[in-house]
Amino acid sequence: MPFDLDSPPPEIIEEAAQAIRQGKVVLYPTDTLYGLGCDPFNEEALRRLFAIKGRSEKKGVLLLVQDYSNAEVFSDDIPDLFYELVRAFWPGPVTLLLEGNSACPPLMLGAEGKVGLRHPDLAFLQLWMEAIPGPIISTSANVSGEPLAVLGDLKQLFDHQVDLILECRETVQPSQPSTVVDLTMDPPRIVRAGRWAERVGRFLTRQ
């Protein structure tokens, strides 16, 4: 049943949290696009997600996290600029790339060994992560290389592949993904221009 993203029913939150804890793959709304997600520490679930999406295992996937402190779990090399960007743009549609550490499953990091972190600006996602408790893999809900689609098409596409489809009352149309800033580069730079890209670009030029 469709639910309110700003005030999701407790039973929806618990069902979604249980799905992640059980290693299931979920189609769900975010503050940018509909996403496909699972437990980042469950290798079997990660492999299923990659297979469903048709995505190369050499490409990493980003994590939705509860707050900036999660960065210290996934990276041992966090520059001061990370915290400056967090203060300026989190919660919001900005993903920050860091060097991953040994706590990160290889499938999550991809061939380049980088972990992407984002703190979303959506009550539903924050409550979901709190209930799990923990982060969630988030990758756009589409077949790799194919255009983004509206929910009706996504439901048809993934209905018999994912374990749970979460549908909000609001109309989440295909839109821009998050802007991705690679903090492992010198100087750091935007490697994917999505929402807030101009704002982030102006911030980086002032550093």
Foldseek 3Di string as FASTA:
>chain_A
DAAAQQDGDPVVLLVLLVCQVVLFWEFAQAPAATWIKHPQVDVVSLVLVCVLQVHDLQDAFAKAWLAPVCVVVFAPDDDPVVVVCRVVAPQDQEKEKDQGDPSGDSSNQHNVRIYIYHHHDINSQNSNCVVNVTMMTTDHQHRPPDDHAWPVVSCVSCVVRGDYYHHHPDGRGNAWHGWYWYVVDVNIDTPRQTPCNVVVVVVSVVD
